[in-house]
Amino acid sequence: MHKTITCKELCATLIYAPKLKHSYIQVKHDSSIIIKTPYRQEKYAIEFFHEKESWIRKQLHKNSLHKPLHVNLEDEVLLFGEIYSIDSDEAHYLRKKLQRLQIANKTKVLSAYDNFYTHTAKEYLPQRVDSFAQIMQLEYKTLKFRKMKSRWGSCSSEKVITLNTQLIKVHKELIDYVIVHELAHLVHMNHSKDFHDLVAKYLPHAKALRKKLKNISLSL
């Protein structure tokens, strides 16, 4: 038996599950709320819903932090943490490519977006890396770009810095954090106190930026 119950403006799906020993609440990634209970009386579920309201709101807030920004393919593009229309100057490179595609072919459209982010990353990121490298008085050997699923950037012992092309989607202050973070690995190939102190020397709010970046999904 499924039923919808409310708590203020929150709505939950109530599921009667007689084999359960206790009631429990689940907040899904899509922010839907599920309440399962062995009790047939709806009043118990409503009371339970109200008791857990604060916890539910915390989970919904966490979901909102990790929820990637979505853009409408063919109409919008995510760049530097903002959504732009592809009619904007920032997206002229992408717009020209999309005009040459069969829009119905989603694979080609997604490929065009990836090419756009790679193109923009190669235009914007090198100047930022060189700027911070000069400020920090550090030298790297090679700068590479790649779409990565598990990290924003990396720095090898051979002084090769690799940056995720998807980095171009986040706010510029977070891009700078990743760049300084990877440059600092030229000195400390670890995450020791000395490493974090070096990053903070050039980005005083590094801790807050690191926290912000952790709350952003790489699949955005």
N, C-alpha and C. Protein backbone atom coordinates (compact mmCIF):
# COMPACT_ATOMS: atom_id res chain seq x y z
N MET A 1 0.84 -1.20 0.00
CA MET A 1 0.00 0.00 0.00
C MET A 1 0.87 1.25 0.00
N HIS A 2 0.71 2.09 -0.98
CA HIS A 2 1.46 3.35 -1.09
C HIS A 2 0.50 4.51 -0.89
N LYS A 3 0.95 5.49 -0.13
CA LYS A 3 0.13 6.67 0.13
C LYS A 3 1.03 7.87 0.32
N THR A 4 0.57 9.06 -0.04
CA THR A 4 1.35 10.28 0.16
C THR A 4 0.92 10.98 1.44
N ILE A 5 1.91 11.32 2.28
CA ILE A 5 1.62 12.09 3.49
C ILE A 5 2.50 13.34 3.48
N THR A 6 2.11 14.34 4.25
CA THR A 6 2.84 15.61 4.24
C THR A 6 3.27 16.04 5.63
N CYS A 7 4.34 16.84 5.66
CA CYS A 7 4.82 17.49 6.88
C CYS A 7 5.22 18.90 6.46
N LYS A 8 4.36 19.87 6.76
CA LYS A 8 4.55 21.23 6.25
C LYS A 8 4.57 21.15 4.73
N GLU A 9 5.66 21.61 4.07
CA GLU A 9 5.67 21.56 2.61
C GLU A 9 6.33 20.28 2.08
N LEU A 10 6.81 19.42 2.98
CA LEU A 10 7.46 18.18 2.57
C LEU A 10 6.42 17.10 2.29
N CYS A 11 6.68 16.31 1.25
CA CYS A 11 5.80 15.20 0.91
C CYS A 11 6.60 13.90 0.94
N ALA A 12 5.97 12.85 1.43
CA ALA A 12 6.65 11.55 1.48
C ALA A 12 5.71 10.47 1.00
N THR A 13 6.30 9.42 0.44
CA THR A 13 5.52 8.25 0.04
C THR A 13 5.53 7.26 1.20
N LEU A 14 4.36 6.93 1.69
CA LEU A 14 4.23 6.00 2.81
C LEU A 14 4.00 4.59 2.28
N ILE A 15 4.84 3.67 2.71
CA ILE A 15 4.73 2.28 2.27
C ILE A 15 4.51 1.38 3.48
N TYR A 16 3.45 0.63 3.47
CA TYR A 16 3.17 -0.32 4.56
C TYR A 16 3.95 -1.60 4.30
N ALA A 17 4.82 -1.96 5.24
CA ALA A 17 5.66 -3.16 5.11
C ALA A 17 5.56 -3.97 6.39
N PRO A 18 4.60 -4.88 6.49
CA PRO A 18 4.32 -5.61 7.73
C PRO A 18 5.48 -6.44 8.27
N LYS A 19 6.44 -6.81 7.42
CA LYS A 19 7.55 -7.64 7.88
C LYS A 19 8.64 -6.85 8.60
N LEU A 20 8.58 -5.53 8.51
CA LEU A 20 9.58 -4.70 9.19
C LEU A 20 9.32 -4.70 10.69
N LYS A 21 10.41 -4.55 11.46
CA LYS A 21 10.27 -4.44 12.91
C LYS A 21 10.11 -2.99 13.36
N HIS A 22 10.68 -2.08 12.56
CA HIS A 22 10.64 -0.67 12.91
C HIS A 22 10.33 0.17 11.67
N SER A 23 9.93 1.40 11.91
CA SER A 23 9.72 2.35 10.80
C SER A 23 11.05 2.99 10.43
N TYR A 24 11.21 3.33 9.16
CA TYR A 24 12.41 4.07 8.78
C TYR A 24 12.11 5.00 7.61
N ILE A 25 12.97 6.01 7.47
CA ILE A 25 12.82 7.01 6.41
C ILE A 25 14.03 6.98 5.50
N GLN A 26 13.80 7.10 4.22
CA GLN A 26 14.87 7.16 3.23
C GLN A 26 14.70 8.42 2.39
N VAL A 27 15.79 9.19 2.27
CA VAL A 27 15.80 10.35 1.38
C VAL A 27 16.66 9.97 0.18
N LYS A 28 16.05 9.84 -0.98
CA LYS A 28 16.77 9.38 -2.17
C LYS A 28 17.55 10.51 -2.82
N HIS A 29 18.43 10.13 -3.77
CA HIS A 29 19.26 11.12 -4.45
C HIS A 29 18.43 12.12 -5.24
N ASP A 30 17.25 11.70 -5.68
CA ASP A 30 16.38 12.63 -6.41
C ASP A 30 15.53 13.48 -5.46
N SER A 31 15.85 13.38 -4.15
CA SER A 31 15.19 14.15 -3.08
C SER A 31 13.77 13.67 -2.77
N SER A 32 13.38 12.53 -3.31
CA SER A 32 12.09 11.96 -2.91
C SER A 32 12.24 11.32 -1.53
N ILE A 33 11.16 11.33 -0.76
CA ILE A 33 11.19 10.83 0.62
C ILE A 33 10.31 9.60 0.72
N ILE A 34 10.86 8.52 1.26
CA ILE A 34 10.13 7.27 1.42
C ILE A 34 10.05 6.93 2.91
N ILE A 35 8.86 6.62 3.38
CA ILE A 35 8.68 6.15 4.76
C ILE A 35 8.11 4.74 4.70
N LYS A 36 8.82 3.79 5.31
CA LYS A 36 8.33 2.42 5.39
C LYS A 36 8.02 2.10 6.85
N THR A 37 6.88 1.50 7.08
CA THR A 37 6.46 1.23 8.46
C THR A 37 5.65 -0.06 8.54
N PRO A 38 5.77 -0.78 9.67
CA PRO A 38 4.95 -1.99 9.87
C PRO A 38 3.58 -1.65 10.45
N TYR A 39 3.38 -0.39 10.80
CA TYR A 39 2.13 0.01 11.46
C TYR A 39 1.09 0.47 10.44
N ARG A 40 -0.11 -0.04 10.58
CA ARG A 40 -1.18 0.30 9.65
C ARG A 40 -1.77 1.68 9.92
N GLN A 41 -1.68 2.12 11.19
CA GLN A 41 -2.27 3.42 11.52
C GLN A 41 -1.42 4.55 10.93
N GLU A 42 -2.04 5.36 10.11
CA GLU A 42 -1.33 6.45 9.44
C GLU A 42 -0.80 7.48 10.43
N LYS A 43 -1.47 7.65 11.56
CA LYS A 43 -1.06 8.67 12.53
C LYS A 43 0.35 8.42 13.05
N TYR A 44 0.75 7.13 13.17
CA TYR A 44 2.10 6.83 13.63
C TYR A 44 3.15 7.29 12.60
N ALA A 45 2.83 7.08 11.35
CA ALA A 45 3.75 7.49 10.28
C ALA A 45 3.87 9.01 10.23
N ILE A 46 2.76 9.71 10.42
CA ILE A 46 2.78 11.17 10.40
C ILE A 46 3.59 11.71 11.57
N GLU A 47 3.40 11.11 12.76
CA GLU A 47 4.18 11.52 13.93
C GLU A 47 5.67 11.28 13.69
N PHE A 48 5.99 10.13 13.09
CA PHE A 48 7.38 9.77 12.79
C PHE A 48 7.97 10.77 11.79
N PHE A 49 7.19 11.14 10.80
CA PHE A 49 7.58 12.12 9.79
C PHE A 49 7.94 13.45 10.45
N HIS A 50 7.11 13.91 11.36
CA HIS A 50 7.35 15.17 12.06
C HIS A 50 8.59 15.09 12.96
N GLU A 51 8.77 13.95 13.62
CA GLU A 51 9.93 13.76 14.49
C GLU A 51 11.24 13.85 13.71
N LYS A 52 11.21 13.36 12.49
CA LYS A 52 12.43 13.28 11.67
C LYS A 52 12.58 14.46 10.70
N GLU A 53 11.73 15.46 10.83
CA GLU A 53 11.75 16.58 9.89
C GLU A 53 13.13 17.24 9.79
N SER A 54 13.75 17.52 10.94
CA SER A 54 15.06 18.19 10.94
C SER A 54 16.10 17.35 10.20
N TRP A 55 16.13 16.04 10.48
CA TRP A 55 17.08 15.14 9.82
C TRP A 55 16.82 15.10 8.32
N ILE A 56 15.55 15.04 7.93
CA ILE A 56 15.19 14.99 6.51
C ILE A 56 15.69 16.24 5.79
N ARG A 57 15.50 17.39 6.41
CA ARG A 57 15.94 18.64 5.78
C ARG A 57 17.46 18.68 5.62
N LYS A 58 18.18 18.11 6.57
CA LYS A 58 19.64 18.04 6.47
C LYS A 58 20.04 17.18 5.27
N GLN A 59 19.35 16.05 5.09
CA GLN A 59 19.66 15.16 3.97
C GLN A 59 19.33 15.83 2.64
N LEU A 60 18.22 16.56 2.60
CA LEU A 60 17.85 17.27 1.37
C LEU A 60 18.87 18.34 1.03
N HIS A 61 19.40 19.00 2.08
CA HIS A 61 20.43 20.02 1.87
C HIS A 61 21.70 19.38 1.31
N LYS A 62 22.09 18.23 1.86
CA LYS A 62 23.27 17.52 1.35
C LYS A 62 23.08 17.15 -0.11
N ASN A 63 21.88 16.68 -0.45
CA ASN A 63 21.58 16.34 -1.84
C ASN A 63 21.74 17.54 -2.75
N SER A 64 21.29 18.70 -2.29
CA SER A 64 21.37 19.90 -3.12
C SER A 64 22.81 20.31 -3.36
N LEU A 65 23.69 20.05 -2.38
CA LEU A 65 25.11 20.39 -2.53
C LEU A 65 25.78 19.51 -3.56
N HIS A 66 25.38 18.23 -3.59
CA HIS A 66 26.02 17.28 -4.49
C HIS A 66 25.33 17.17 -5.83
N LYS A 67 24.18 17.79 -5.95
CA LYS A 67 23.41 17.69 -7.18
C LYS A 67 24.06 18.51 -8.28
N PRO A 68 24.46 17.88 -9.39
CA PRO A 68 25.10 18.64 -10.46
C PRO A 68 24.12 19.58 -11.16
N LEU A 69 24.63 20.68 -11.66
CA LEU A 69 23.81 21.58 -12.46
C LEU A 69 23.53 20.92 -13.80
N HIS A 70 22.30 20.97 -14.24
CA HIS A 70 21.94 20.36 -15.51
C HIS A 70 21.69 21.44 -16.56
N VAL A 71 22.15 21.18 -17.75
CA VAL A 71 21.91 22.11 -18.85
C VAL A 71 21.08 21.42 -19.91
N ASN A 72 20.34 22.21 -20.66
CA ASN A 72 19.56 21.68 -21.77
C ASN A 72 20.48 21.59 -22.99
N LEU A 73 20.71 20.38 -23.45
CA LEU A 73 21.55 20.20 -24.63
C LEU A 73 20.96 20.97 -25.80
N GLU A 74 21.83 21.54 -26.59
CA GLU A 74 21.52 22.37 -27.76
C GLU A 74 21.11 23.79 -27.39
N ASP A 75 20.81 24.06 -26.10
CA ASP A 75 20.35 25.40 -25.72
C ASP A 75 21.28 26.10 -24.73
N GLU A 76 21.94 25.32 -23.85
CA GLU A 76 22.70 25.91 -22.75
C GLU A 76 24.06 25.23 -22.59
N VAL A 77 24.93 25.92 -21.86
CA VAL A 77 26.24 25.37 -21.56
C VAL A 77 26.64 25.82 -20.16
N LEU A 78 27.27 24.92 -19.40
CA LEU A 78 27.75 25.24 -18.05
C LEU A 78 29.21 25.66 -18.15
N LEU A 79 29.51 26.88 -17.68
CA LEU A 79 30.86 27.41 -17.80
C LEU A 79 31.17 28.30 -16.60
N PHE A 80 32.29 28.00 -15.93
CA PHE A 80 32.72 28.78 -14.76
C PHE A 80 31.62 28.88 -13.70
N GLY A 81 30.88 27.79 -13.51
CA GLY A 81 29.87 27.74 -12.47
C GLY A 81 28.55 28.41 -12.81
N GLU A 82 28.42 28.88 -14.06
CA GLU A 82 27.19 29.56 -14.48
C GLU A 82 26.64 28.88 -15.74
N ILE A 83 25.33 28.94 -15.89
CA ILE A 83 24.70 28.39 -17.09
C ILE A 83 24.49 29.51 -18.10
N TYR A 84 25.02 29.31 -19.30
CA TYR A 84 24.90 30.29 -20.37
C TYR A 84 24.04 29.73 -21.50
N SER A 85 23.37 30.62 -22.20
CA SER A 85 22.72 30.24 -23.44
C SER A 85 23.81 30.07 -24.49
N ILE A 86 23.64 29.11 -25.40
CA ILE A 86 24.68 28.94 -26.42
C ILE A 86 24.68 30.10 -27.41
N ASP A 87 23.71 31.00 -27.28
CA ASP A 87 23.72 32.21 -28.11
C ASP A 87 24.70 33.25 -27.58
N SER A 88 25.21 33.03 -26.36
CA SER A 88 26.12 34.00 -25.75
C SER A 88 27.50 33.94 -26.40
N ASP A 89 28.27 35.00 -26.23
CA ASP A 89 29.61 35.06 -26.81
C ASP A 89 30.49 33.95 -26.26
N GLU A 90 30.28 33.58 -24.97
CA GLU A 90 31.12 32.57 -24.33
C GLU A 90 31.02 31.21 -25.03
N ALA A 91 29.91 30.99 -25.72
CA ALA A 91 29.67 29.67 -26.31
C ALA A 91 29.72 29.65 -27.83
N HIS A 92 30.34 30.66 -28.43
CA HIS A 92 30.32 30.74 -29.90
C HIS A 92 30.97 29.53 -30.55
N TYR A 93 32.03 28.99 -29.92
CA TYR A 93 32.73 27.82 -30.47
C TYR A 93 31.79 26.62 -30.51
N LEU A 94 31.05 26.42 -29.41
CA LEU A 94 30.11 25.31 -29.33
C LEU A 94 28.95 25.52 -30.29
N ARG A 95 28.45 26.72 -30.37
CA ARG A 95 27.29 27.02 -31.22
C ARG A 95 27.58 26.66 -32.68
N LYS A 96 28.77 26.99 -33.14
CA LYS A 96 29.12 26.71 -34.53
C LYS A 96 29.16 25.20 -34.78
N LYS A 97 29.66 24.45 -33.80
CA LYS A 97 29.72 23.00 -33.96
C LYS A 97 28.32 22.39 -33.98
N LEU A 98 27.46 22.86 -33.07
CA LEU A 98 26.11 22.31 -33.01
C LEU A 98 25.32 22.59 -34.28
N GLN A 99 25.59 23.72 -34.89
CA GLN A 99 24.88 24.07 -36.12
C GLN A 99 25.22 23.11 -37.25
N ARG A 100 26.36 22.44 -37.14
CA ARG A 100 26.78 21.51 -38.19
C ARG A 100 26.32 20.08 -37.92
N LEU A 101 25.68 19.87 -36.75
CA LEU A 101 25.30 18.51 -36.36
C LEU A 101 23.82 18.24 -36.60
N GLN A 102 23.52 16.94 -36.70
CA GLN A 102 22.13 16.52 -36.65
C GLN A 102 21.77 16.52 -35.16
N ILE A 103 20.97 17.48 -34.72
CA ILE A 103 20.69 17.65 -33.29
C ILE A 103 20.06 16.40 -32.68
N ALA A 104 19.36 15.62 -33.50
CA ALA A 104 18.72 14.42 -32.98
C ALA A 104 19.74 13.38 -32.51
N ASN A 105 20.98 13.48 -33.01
CA ASN A 105 22.01 12.53 -32.63
C ASN A 105 22.65 12.97 -31.32
N LYS A 106 22.18 12.44 -30.21
CA LYS A 106 22.63 12.88 -28.89
C LYS A 106 24.11 12.60 -28.68
N THR A 107 24.61 11.49 -29.22
CA THR A 107 26.03 11.15 -29.06
C THR A 107 26.91 12.23 -29.66
N LYS A 108 26.54 12.71 -30.84
CA LYS A 108 27.32 13.77 -31.48
C LYS A 108 27.23 15.08 -30.71
N VAL A 109 26.05 15.34 -30.15
CA VAL A 109 25.87 16.56 -29.36
C VAL A 109 26.74 16.52 -28.11
N LEU A 110 26.73 15.38 -27.40
CA LEU A 110 27.56 15.23 -26.20
C LEU A 110 29.04 15.36 -26.54
N SER A 111 29.43 14.80 -27.68
CA SER A 111 30.81 14.91 -28.13
C SER A 111 31.17 16.37 -28.41
N ALA A 112 30.23 17.11 -28.98
CA ALA A 112 30.48 18.53 -29.26
C ALA A 112 30.68 19.31 -27.96
N TYR A 113 29.90 18.96 -26.94
CA TYR A 113 30.07 19.62 -25.64
C TYR A 113 31.45 19.30 -25.06
N ASP A 114 31.85 18.03 -25.12
CA ASP A 114 33.16 17.64 -24.60
C ASP A 114 34.27 18.39 -25.33
N ASN A 115 34.13 18.50 -26.65
CA ASN A 115 35.13 19.23 -27.44
C ASN A 115 35.17 20.71 -27.03
N PHE A 116 33.99 21.26 -26.75
CA PHE A 116 33.92 22.66 -26.33
C PHE A 116 34.66 22.87 -25.01
N TYR A 117 34.42 21.96 -24.04
CA TYR A 117 35.08 22.11 -22.74
C TYR A 117 36.60 21.92 -22.86
N THR A 118 37.01 20.99 -23.71
CA THR A 118 38.45 20.80 -23.92
C THR A 118 39.06 22.04 -24.57
N HIS A 119 38.39 22.56 -25.57
CA HIS A 119 38.85 23.76 -26.27
C HIS A 119 38.96 24.94 -25.30
N THR A 120 37.93 25.14 -24.49
CA THR A 120 37.91 26.26 -23.54
C THR A 120 38.96 26.07 -22.45
N ALA A 121 39.13 24.83 -21.99
CA ALA A 121 40.14 24.54 -20.97
C ALA A 121 41.54 24.88 -21.48
N LYS A 122 41.81 24.50 -22.72
CA LYS A 122 43.14 24.77 -23.29
C LYS A 122 43.38 26.25 -23.54
N GLU A 123 42.30 27.00 -23.69
CA GLU A 123 42.44 28.45 -23.87
C GLU A 123 42.64 29.17 -22.54
N TYR A 124 41.89 28.74 -21.51
CA TYR A 124 41.86 29.48 -20.25
C TYR A 124 42.89 29.00 -19.21
N LEU A 125 43.02 27.68 -19.06
CA LEU A 125 43.82 27.15 -17.94
C LEU A 125 45.33 27.40 -18.02
N PRO A 126 45.98 27.29 -19.20
CA PRO A 126 47.44 27.49 -19.23
C PRO A 126 47.89 28.83 -18.67
N GLN A 127 47.16 29.89 -18.97
CA GLN A 127 47.55 31.21 -18.47
C GLN A 127 47.44 31.29 -16.95
N ARG A 128 46.43 30.59 -16.39
CA ARG A 128 46.28 30.59 -14.93
C ARG A 128 47.38 29.76 -14.28
N VAL A 129 47.72 28.63 -14.89
CA VAL A 129 48.80 27.79 -14.36
C VAL A 129 50.11 28.55 -14.39
N ASP A 130 50.42 29.18 -15.51
CA ASP A 130 51.67 29.93 -15.64
C ASP A 130 51.73 31.10 -14.67
N SER A 131 50.59 31.75 -14.47
CA SER A 131 50.54 32.88 -13.54
C SER A 131 50.87 32.44 -12.12
N PHE A 132 50.23 31.37 -11.67
CA PHE A 132 50.49 30.89 -10.31
C PHE A 132 51.87 30.26 -10.18
N ALA A 133 52.35 29.60 -11.24
CA ALA A 133 53.69 29.02 -11.20
C ALA A 133 54.73 30.11 -11.00
N GLN A 134 54.51 31.24 -11.66
CA GLN A 134 55.43 32.37 -11.53
C GLN A 134 55.35 32.97 -10.12
N ILE A 135 54.15 33.13 -9.61
CA ILE A 135 53.97 33.67 -8.26
C ILE A 135 54.60 32.76 -7.21
N MET A 136 54.43 31.45 -7.39
CA MET A 136 54.94 30.47 -6.42
C MET A 136 56.40 30.12 -6.68
N GLN A 137 56.95 30.66 -7.78
CA GLN A 137 58.34 30.40 -8.18
C GLN A 137 58.61 28.90 -8.32
N LEU A 138 57.72 28.26 -9.09
CA LEU A 138 57.82 26.82 -9.33
C LEU A 138 57.80 26.56 -10.83
N GLU A 139 58.42 25.45 -11.23
CA GLU A 139 58.45 25.08 -12.64
C GLU A 139 57.89 23.68 -12.83
N TYR A 140 56.98 23.55 -13.77
CA TYR A 140 56.46 22.23 -14.12
C TYR A 140 57.01 21.88 -15.50
N LYS A 141 56.97 20.59 -15.83
CA LYS A 141 57.54 20.15 -17.10
C LYS A 141 56.51 20.23 -18.23
N THR A 142 55.34 19.66 -18.00
CA THR A 142 54.32 19.59 -19.05
C THR A 142 52.94 19.81 -18.44
N LEU A 143 52.06 20.44 -19.20
CA LEU A 143 50.67 20.61 -18.78
C LEU A 143 49.79 19.83 -19.76
N LYS A 144 49.00 18.91 -19.22
CA LYS A 144 48.12 18.09 -20.05
C LYS A 144 46.66 18.29 -19.65
N PHE A 145 45.77 17.91 -20.56
CA PHE A 145 44.33 18.03 -20.31
C PHE A 145 43.65 16.71 -20.65
N ARG A 146 42.74 16.31 -19.77
CA ARG A 146 42.04 15.05 -19.99
C ARG A 146 40.71 15.07 -19.24
N LYS A 147 39.70 14.46 -19.81
CA LYS A 147 38.44 14.31 -19.09
C LYS A 147 38.58 13.15 -18.12
N MET A 148 38.45 13.43 -16.83
CA MET A 148 38.65 12.41 -15.80
C MET A 148 37.40 12.24 -14.96
N LYS A 149 37.18 11.02 -14.49
CA LYS A 149 35.97 10.72 -13.72
C LYS A 149 36.18 10.79 -12.21
N SER A 150 37.43 10.71 -11.75
CA SER A 150 37.65 10.59 -10.31
C SER A 150 38.47 11.70 -9.68
N ARG A 151 39.02 12.61 -10.48
CA ARG A 151 39.82 13.69 -9.89
C ARG A 151 39.80 14.93 -10.77
N TRP A 152 40.03 16.08 -10.12
CA TRP A 152 40.05 17.35 -10.84
C TRP A 152 41.41 17.62 -11.47
N GLY A 153 42.44 17.03 -10.90
CA GLY A 153 43.78 17.24 -11.44
C GLY A 153 44.77 16.30 -10.81
N SER A 154 45.98 16.27 -11.34
CA SER A 154 47.04 15.43 -10.77
C SER A 154 48.40 16.03 -11.11
N CYS A 155 49.40 15.63 -10.33
CA CYS A 155 50.77 16.06 -10.58
C CYS A 155 51.69 14.87 -10.35
N SER A 156 52.46 14.50 -11.35
CA SER A 156 53.33 13.33 -11.24
C SER A 156 54.70 13.71 -10.70
N SER A 157 55.46 12.71 -10.31
CA SER A 157 56.82 12.95 -9.82
C SER A 157 57.72 13.49 -10.92
N GLU A 158 57.30 13.33 -12.19
CA GLU A 158 58.06 13.87 -13.33
C GLU A 158 57.66 15.32 -13.63
N LYS A 159 56.89 15.92 -12.72
CA LYS A 159 56.45 17.32 -12.84
C LYS A 159 55.50 17.54 -14.01
N VAL A 160 54.70 16.52 -14.30
CA VAL A 160 53.67 16.63 -15.32
C VAL A 160 52.34 16.91 -14.61
N ILE A 161 51.73 18.02 -14.93
CA ILE A 161 50.44 18.39 -14.35
C ILE A 161 49.33 18.08 -15.35
N THR A 162 48.32 17.36 -14.89
CA THR A 162 47.17 17.03 -15.73
C THR A 162 45.93 17.64 -15.10
N LEU A 163 45.16 18.38 -15.88
CA LEU A 163 43.93 19.00 -15.38
C LEU A 163 42.72 18.43 -16.10
N ASN A 164 41.67 18.21 -15.34
CA ASN A 164 40.42 17.69 -15.88
C ASN A 164 39.74 18.77 -16.73
N THR A 165 39.39 18.45 -17.96
CA THR A 165 38.75 19.44 -18.83
C THR A 165 37.41 19.90 -18.26
N GLN A 166 36.79 19.08 -17.41
CA GLN A 166 35.50 19.45 -16.80
C GLN A 166 35.67 20.53 -15.74
N LEU A 167 36.92 20.80 -15.37
CA LEU A 167 37.21 21.84 -14.39
C LEU A 167 36.69 23.20 -14.85
N ILE A 168 36.59 23.37 -16.15
CA ILE A 168 36.17 24.64 -16.72
C ILE A 168 34.71 24.95 -16.38
N LYS A 169 33.99 23.96 -15.85
CA LYS A 169 32.58 24.16 -15.49
C LYS A 169 32.40 24.84 -14.13
N VAL A 170 33.41 24.78 -13.25
CA VAL A 170 33.24 25.30 -11.89
C VAL A 170 33.69 26.75 -11.80
N HIS A 171 33.37 27.39 -10.68
CA HIS A 171 33.74 28.80 -10.49
C HIS A 171 35.26 28.99 -10.57
N LYS A 172 35.66 30.16 -11.01
CA LYS A 172 37.08 30.44 -11.23
C LYS A 172 37.91 30.33 -9.97
N GLU A 173 37.35 30.66 -8.81
CA GLU A 173 38.10 30.55 -7.56
C GLU A 173 38.43 29.09 -7.25
N LEU A 174 37.54 28.17 -7.66
CA LEU A 174 37.79 26.75 -7.45
C LEU A 174 38.80 26.22 -8.45
N ILE A 175 38.78 26.76 -9.66
CA ILE A 175 39.80 26.41 -10.65
C ILE A 175 41.18 26.81 -10.12
N ASP A 176 41.28 28.01 -9.58
CA ASP A 176 42.55 28.48 -9.02
C ASP A 176 43.01 27.58 -7.89
N TYR A 177 42.06 27.11 -7.08
CA TYR A 177 42.43 26.22 -5.97
C TYR A 177 43.07 24.94 -6.51
N VAL A 178 42.44 24.34 -7.52
CA VAL A 178 42.98 23.09 -8.09
C VAL A 178 44.38 23.33 -8.67
N ILE A 179 44.55 24.45 -9.34
CA ILE A 179 45.85 24.77 -9.94
C ILE A 179 46.93 24.92 -8.88
N VAL A 180 46.65 25.70 -7.84
CA VAL A 180 47.63 25.89 -6.76
C VAL A 180 47.89 24.56 -6.04
N HIS A 181 46.84 23.78 -5.86
CA HIS A 181 46.95 22.46 -5.22
C HIS A 181 47.94 21.57 -5.99
N GLU A 182 47.78 21.51 -7.31
CA GLU A 182 48.66 20.65 -8.11
C GLU A 182 50.08 21.22 -8.18
N LEU A 183 50.21 22.53 -8.26
CA LEU A 183 51.55 23.13 -8.26
C LEU A 183 52.27 22.86 -6.94
N ALA A 184 51.53 22.87 -5.85
CA ALA A 184 52.13 22.60 -4.53
C ALA A 184 52.69 21.19 -4.45
N HIS A 185 52.13 20.28 -5.26
CA HIS A 185 52.65 18.91 -5.29
C HIS A 185 54.04 18.83 -5.94
N LEU A 186 54.44 19.87 -6.62
CA LEU A 186 55.81 19.91 -7.14
C LEU A 186 56.82 19.99 -6.00
N VAL A 187 56.36 20.48 -4.86
CA VAL A 187 57.21 20.60 -3.67
C VAL A 187 56.96 19.46 -2.69
N HIS A 188 55.69 19.16 -2.48
CA HIS A 188 55.30 18.10 -1.53
C HIS A 188 54.40 17.10 -2.25
N MET A 189 54.91 15.89 -2.48
CA MET A 189 54.11 14.86 -3.15
C MET A 189 53.24 14.12 -2.15
N ASN A 190 52.54 14.87 -1.32
CA ASN A 190 51.68 14.29 -0.29
C ASN A 190 50.67 15.35 0.13
N HIS A 191 49.90 15.04 1.14
CA HIS A 191 48.94 16.02 1.68
C HIS A 191 49.27 16.30 3.14
N SER A 192 50.52 16.54 3.40
CA SER A 192 51.00 16.82 4.75
C SER A 192 50.63 18.24 5.17
N LYS A 193 50.92 18.56 6.42
CA LYS A 193 50.67 19.91 6.93
C LYS A 193 51.47 20.93 6.12
N ASP A 194 52.71 20.58 5.78
CA ASP A 194 53.55 21.49 4.98
C ASP A 194 52.91 21.76 3.62
N PHE A 195 52.31 20.72 3.04
CA PHE A 195 51.64 20.88 1.75
C PHE A 195 50.48 21.86 1.88
N HIS A 196 49.61 21.63 2.85
CA HIS A 196 48.44 22.50 3.03
C HIS A 196 48.85 23.92 3.41
N ASP A 197 49.93 24.05 4.16
CA ASP A 197 50.43 25.39 4.51
C ASP A 197 50.90 26.14 3.27
N LEU A 198 51.53 25.40 2.35
CA LEU A 198 52.00 26.02 1.11
C LEU A 198 50.82 26.50 0.26
N VAL A 199 49.79 25.67 0.15
CA VAL A 199 48.60 26.06 -0.60
C VAL A 199 47.95 27.29 0.03
N ALA A 200 47.83 27.27 1.36
CA ALA A 200 47.19 28.38 2.08
C ALA A 200 48.00 29.67 1.99
N LYS A 201 49.30 29.54 1.77
CA LYS A 201 50.15 30.72 1.63
C LYS A 201 49.72 31.57 0.44
N TYR A 202 49.27 30.90 -0.62
CA TYR A 202 48.88 31.60 -1.84
C TYR A 202 47.36 31.73 -2.00
N LEU A 203 46.63 30.89 -1.25
CA LEU A 203 45.17 30.98 -1.23
C LEU A 203 44.72 30.90 0.22
N PRO A 204 44.62 32.03 0.90
CA PRO A 204 44.28 32.06 2.33
C PRO A 204 42.98 31.33 2.68
N HIS A 205 42.04 31.27 1.73
CA HIS A 205 40.76 30.60 1.99
C HIS A 205 40.76 29.18 1.40
N ALA A 206 41.92 28.57 1.31
CA ALA A 206 42.05 27.26 0.67
C ALA A 206 41.16 26.20 1.32
N LYS A 207 41.07 26.23 2.64
CA LYS A 207 40.27 25.22 3.34
C LYS A 207 38.80 25.29 2.93
N ALA A 208 38.27 26.51 2.86
CA ALA A 208 36.87 26.70 2.45
C ALA A 208 36.67 26.30 0.99
N LEU A 209 37.65 26.62 0.15
CA LEU A 209 37.56 26.27 -1.27
C LEU A 209 37.61 24.76 -1.44
N ARG A 210 38.47 24.11 -0.67
CA ARG A 210 38.57 22.65 -0.74
C ARG A 210 37.24 22.01 -0.36
N LYS A 211 36.60 22.54 0.66
CA LYS A 211 35.30 22.02 1.10
C LYS A 211 34.25 22.21 0.02
N LYS A 212 34.26 23.38 -0.62
CA LYS A 212 33.30 23.64 -1.70
C LYS A 212 33.48 22.64 -2.84
N LEU A 213 34.75 22.41 -3.20
CA LEU A 213 35.05 21.52 -4.33
C LEU A 213 34.62 20.09 -4.03
N LYS A 214 34.77 19.67 -2.77
CA LYS A 214 34.36 18.31 -2.39
C LYS A 214 32.86 18.12 -2.53
N ASN A 215 32.12 19.21 -2.45
CA ASN A 215 30.67 19.12 -2.54
C ASN A 215 30.15 19.22 -3.97
N ILE A 216 31.08 19.25 -4.92
CA ILE A 216 30.68 19.32 -6.33
C ILE A 216 30.96 17.97 -6.99
N SER A 217 29.95 17.43 -7.63
CA SER A 217 30.10 16.14 -8.29
C SER A 217 30.95 16.27 -9.55
N LEU A 218 31.83 15.29 -9.77
CA LEU A 218 32.64 15.29 -10.98
C LEU A 218 31.80 15.01 -12.22
N SER A 219 30.57 14.57 -12.00
CA SER A 219 29.70 14.27 -13.15
C SER A 219 28.84 15.45 -13.55
N LEU A 220 29.14 16.63 -13.01
CA LEU A 220 28.33 17.81 -13.33
C LEU A 220 28.37 18.14 -14.82
